[in-house]
Amino acid sequence: MQIFLPLKNDPEQIIKVVRDWFKPTNQNIPRHKVIWLAYTEFEFDYEDILTSEGYDPKDIHALTFSDIIENMNVWIRDFKIK
């Protein structure tokens, strides 16, 4: 997608663009700052998640994509409970 080329070094702006793209079809989607703050908190917690599962956080490629998504889903569920 051409729209993301100027944003490639700005993950917060990418989150905003994607969030704004979904907004017309999902009125319950939170503001991009809420999503960005959750994302940065996940990034901070992810090293602990990997370590607790016996992985070296530097070797993220040892996990399959579905393992990473599963970790994200568990983290999101727990994040919503906070």
Protein backbone atom coordinates (compact mmCIF):
# COMPACT_ATOMS: atom_id res chain seq x y z
CA MET A 1 0.00 0.00 0.00
CA GLN A 2 1.40 3.35 -1.02
CA ILE A 3 -0.15 5.12 1.97
CA PHE A 4 2.24 3.41 4.41
CA LEU A 5 5.50 4.22 2.62
CA PRO A 6 6.00 7.65 4.24
CA LEU A 7 4.98 6.17 7.62
CA LYS A 8 7.38 3.22 7.67
CA ASN A 9 9.46 4.67 10.50
CA ASP A 10 6.53 5.91 12.57
CA PRO A 11 4.57 3.02 14.13
CA GLU A 12 2.26 5.36 16.05
CA GLN A 13 1.16 7.02 12.80
CA ILE A 14 0.65 3.60 11.18
CA ILE A 15 -1.62 2.63 14.08
CA LYS A 16 -3.54 5.89 13.61
CA VAL A 17 -3.97 5.38 9.86
CA VAL A 18 -5.15 1.77 10.27
CA ARG A 19 -7.47 2.72 13.15
CA ASP A 20 -8.95 5.58 11.11
CA TRP A 21 -9.43 3.20 8.18
CA PHE A 22 -11.50 0.84 10.37
CA LYS A 23 -13.46 3.58 12.16
CA PRO A 24 -16.27 3.91 9.58
CA THR A 25 -17.11 0.22 9.98
CA ASN A 26 -16.54 -0.05 13.74
CA GLN A 27 -17.81 2.83 15.84
CA ASN A 28 -16.57 1.18 19.07
CA ILE A 29 -12.90 1.28 18.10
CA PRO A 30 -10.87 3.30 20.62
CA ARG A 31 -8.87 6.38 19.72
CA HIS A 32 -5.44 5.73 18.27
CA LYS A 33 -3.65 6.95 21.41
CA VAL A 34 -5.39 4.25 23.46
CA ILE A 35 -4.31 1.61 20.95
CA TRP A 36 -0.77 3.04 20.82
CA LEU A 37 -0.42 3.02 24.62
CA ALA A 38 -1.67 -0.58 24.77
CA TYR A 39 0.78 -1.56 22.03
CA THR A 40 3.74 0.01 23.83
CA GLU A 41 2.70 -1.69 27.07
CA PHE A 42 2.53 -5.02 25.23
CA GLU A 43 6.01 -4.46 23.80
CA PHE A 44 7.28 -3.83 27.32
CA ASP A 45 5.57 -6.97 28.71
CA TYR A 46 6.42 -9.26 25.78
CA GLU A 47 9.99 -9.90 26.92
CA ASP A 48 8.65 -11.17 30.26
CA ILE A 49 6.09 -13.33 28.44
CA LEU A 50 8.81 -14.93 26.31
CA THR A 51 11.11 -15.46 29.29
CA SER A 52 8.31 -17.09 31.31
CA GLU A 53 7.79 -19.53 28.43
CA GLY A 54 11.49 -20.42 28.36
CA TYR A 55 12.40 -18.42 25.25
CA ASP A 56 15.26 -16.00 24.85
CA PRO A 57 13.59 -12.64 24.05
CA LYS A 58 16.33 -11.98 21.48
CA ASP A 59 15.22 -15.04 19.53
CA ILE A 60 11.63 -14.08 18.71
CA HIS A 61 11.89 -16.03 15.45
CA ALA A 62 11.84 -19.28 17.46
CA LEU A 63 8.07 -18.79 17.80
CA THR A 64 5.58 -19.39 15.05
CA PHE A 65 3.26 -16.60 13.95
CA SER A 66 0.33 -18.43 15.56
CA ASP A 67 2.26 -18.63 18.87
CA ILE A 68 2.84 -14.87 18.79
CA ILE A 69 -0.85 -14.22 18.04
CA GLU A 70 -1.84 -16.54 20.89
CA ASN A 71 0.43 -14.58 23.27
CA MET A 72 -1.11 -11.34 22.04
CA ASN A 73 -4.65 -12.63 22.56
CA VAL A 74 -3.90 -13.70 26.13
CA TRP A 75 -2.21 -10.36 26.83
CA ILE A 76 -5.15 -8.40 25.36
CA ARG A 77 -7.64 -10.39 27.45
CA ASP A 78 -5.63 -9.70 30.61
CA PHE A 79 -5.12 -6.04 29.62
CA LYS A 80 -8.89 -5.52 29.29
CA ILE A 81 -9.41 -6.91 32.79
CA LYS A 82 -7.06 -4.33 34.38
